[in-house]
C-alpha atoms as a PDB file:
ATOM      1  CA  MET A   1      42.276 -15.236 -33.447  1.00  0.00           C
ATOM      2  CA  ILE A   2      39.233 -13.200 -32.537  1.00  0.00           C
ATOM      3  CA  SER A   3      37.148 -14.481 -29.619  1.00  0.00           C
ATOM      4  CA  PHE A   4      33.445 -15.256 -29.785  1.00  0.00           C
ATOM      5  CA  GLY A   5      32.728 -12.319 -27.496  1.00  0.00           C
ATOM      6  CA  GLU A   6      34.725  -9.845 -29.582  1.00  0.00           C
ATOM      7  CA  ASN A   7      33.005 -11.062 -32.725  1.00  0.00           C
ATOM      8  CA  LEU A   8      29.572 -10.859 -31.100  1.00  0.00           C
ATOM      9  CA  LYS A   9      30.229  -7.288 -29.982  1.00  0.00           C
ATOM     10  CA  TYR A  10      31.425  -6.333 -33.474  1.00  0.00           C
ATOM     11  CA  LEU A  11      28.303  -7.828 -35.103  1.00  0.00           C
ATOM     12  CA  ARG A  12      26.009  -6.210 -32.505  1.00  0.00           C
ATOM     13  CA  LEU A  13      27.532  -2.773 -33.025  1.00  0.00           C
ATOM     14  CA  LYS A  14      27.487  -3.235 -36.808  1.00  0.00           C
ATOM     15  CA  LYS A  15      23.738  -3.862 -36.552  1.00  0.00           C
ATOM     16  CA  GLY A  16      23.371  -0.788 -34.311  1.00  0.00           C
ATOM     17  CA  TYR A  17      22.046  -2.600 -31.246  1.00  0.00           C
ATOM     18  CA  THR A  18      22.819  -1.873 -27.628  1.00  0.00           C
ATOM     19  CA  GLN A  19      23.262  -4.892 -25.374  1.00  0.00           C
ATOM     20  CA  GLU A  20      19.803  -4.213 -23.974  1.00  0.00           C
ATOM     21  CA  GLU A  21      18.191  -4.044 -27.421  1.00  0.00           C
ATOM     22  CA  LEU A  22      19.778  -7.337 -28.456  1.00  0.00           C
ATOM     23  CA  ALA A  23      18.735  -8.899 -25.163  1.00  0.00           C
ATOM     24  CA  ASN A  24      15.138  -7.754 -25.730  1.00  0.00           C
ATOM     25  CA  GLU A  25      15.181  -9.376 -29.192  1.00  0.00           C
ATOM     26  CA  LEU A  26      16.146 -12.671 -27.556  1.00  0.00           C
ATOM     27  CA  ASN A  27      13.993 -12.341 -24.408  1.00  0.00           C
ATOM     28  CA  ILE A  28      17.029 -12.514 -22.131  1.00  0.00           C
ATOM     29  CA  SER A  29      18.779 -10.133 -19.739  1.00  0.00           C
ATOM     30  CA  HIS A  30      21.346  -7.631 -20.949  1.00  0.00           C
ATOM     31  CA  GLN A  31      23.693  -9.203 -18.392  1.00  0.00           C
ATOM     32  CA  SER A  32      23.670 -12.397 -20.468  1.00  0.00           C
ATOM     33  CA  VAL A  33      24.765 -10.485 -23.564  1.00  0.00           C
ATOM     34  CA  SER A  34      27.465  -8.775 -21.501  1.00  0.00           C
ATOM     35  CA  LYS A  35      28.749 -12.142 -20.244  1.00  0.00           C
ATOM     36  CA  TRP A  36      28.868 -13.479 -23.795  1.00  0.00           C
ATOM     37  CA  GLU A  37      30.782 -10.432 -25.021  1.00  0.00           C
ATOM     38  CA  THR A  38      33.316 -10.635 -22.201  1.00  0.00           C
ATOM     39  CA  ASN A  39      33.745 -14.388 -22.727  1.00  0.00           C
ATOM     40  CA  THR A  40      32.546 -15.065 -19.189  1.00  0.00           C
ATOM     41  CA  SER A  41      30.000 -17.492 -20.626  1.00  0.00           C
ATOM     42  CA  LEU A  42      28.718 -18.726 -23.963  1.00  0.00           C
ATOM     43  CA  PRO A  43      25.117 -18.747 -25.174  1.00  0.00           C
ATOM     44  CA  ASN A  44      23.062 -21.875 -24.854  1.00  0.00           C
ATOM     45  CA  VAL A  45      22.836 -23.594 -28.227  1.00  0.00           C
ATOM     46  CA  SER A  46      19.102 -22.771 -28.352  1.00  0.00           C
ATOM     47  CA  TYR A  47      20.022 -19.071 -28.723  1.00  0.00           C
ATOM     48  CA  CYS A  48      22.457 -19.485 -31.618  1.00  0.00           C
ATOM     49  CA  VAL A  49      19.986 -19.360 -34.516  1.00  0.00           C
ATOM     50  CA  PRO A  50      17.883 -16.542 -33.007  1.00  0.00           C
ATOM     51  CA  LEU A  51      21.094 -14.632 -32.259  1.00  0.00           C
ATOM     52  CA  ALA A  52      22.297 -14.981 -35.852  1.00  0.00           C
ATOM     53  CA  LYS A  53      18.881 -13.881 -37.135  1.00  0.00           C
ATOM     54  CA  ALA A  54      18.800 -10.857 -34.828  1.00  0.00           C
ATOM     55  CA  LEU A  55      22.262  -9.837 -36.027  1.00  0.00           C
ATOM     56  CA  ASP A  56      21.387 -10.562 -39.661  1.00  0.00           C
ATOM     57  CA  CYS A  57      24.321 -12.938 -40.103  1.00  0.00           C
ATOM     58  CA  THR A  58      24.961 -16.635 -40.609  1.00  0.00           C
ATOM     59  CA  LEU A  59      26.060 -19.050 -37.915  1.00  0.00           C
ATOM     60  CA  ASN A  60      29.399 -19.209 -39.719  1.00  0.00           C
ATOM     61  CA  ASP A  61      29.695 -15.413 -39.386  1.00  0.00           C
ATOM     62  CA  LEU A  62      28.722 -15.572 -35.728  1.00  0.00           C
ATOM     63  CA  PHE A  63      31.264 -18.249 -34.871  1.00  0.00           C
ATOM     64  CA  GLN A  64      33.915 -17.146 -37.395  1.00  0.00           C
ATOM     65  CA  VAL A  65      33.842 -20.501 -39.172  1.00  0.00           C
ATOM     66  CA  LYS A  66      35.768 -20.465 -42.434  1.00  0.00           C
ATOM     67  CA  VAL A  67      34.476 -22.968 -44.964  1.00  0.00           C
ATOM     68  CA  ILE A  68      37.195 -24.246 -47.277  1.00  0.00           C
ATOM     69  CA  SER A  69      35.997 -25.871 -50.474  1.00  0.00           C
END
């Protein structure tokens, strides 16, 4: 199973952002993005929607949630 951090890094690189560019989009430090990508910490829930918007993905994509119908 892919970790949140690995998935975040994949989506960030797919969008063409550096950690600093993504951090600037969210008004946070690039160290925060680095900690998320290395699974040292997770983003506060208040950053989840803005993070998904910045990466042009859904929350399901961001958290690798598979919806089974």
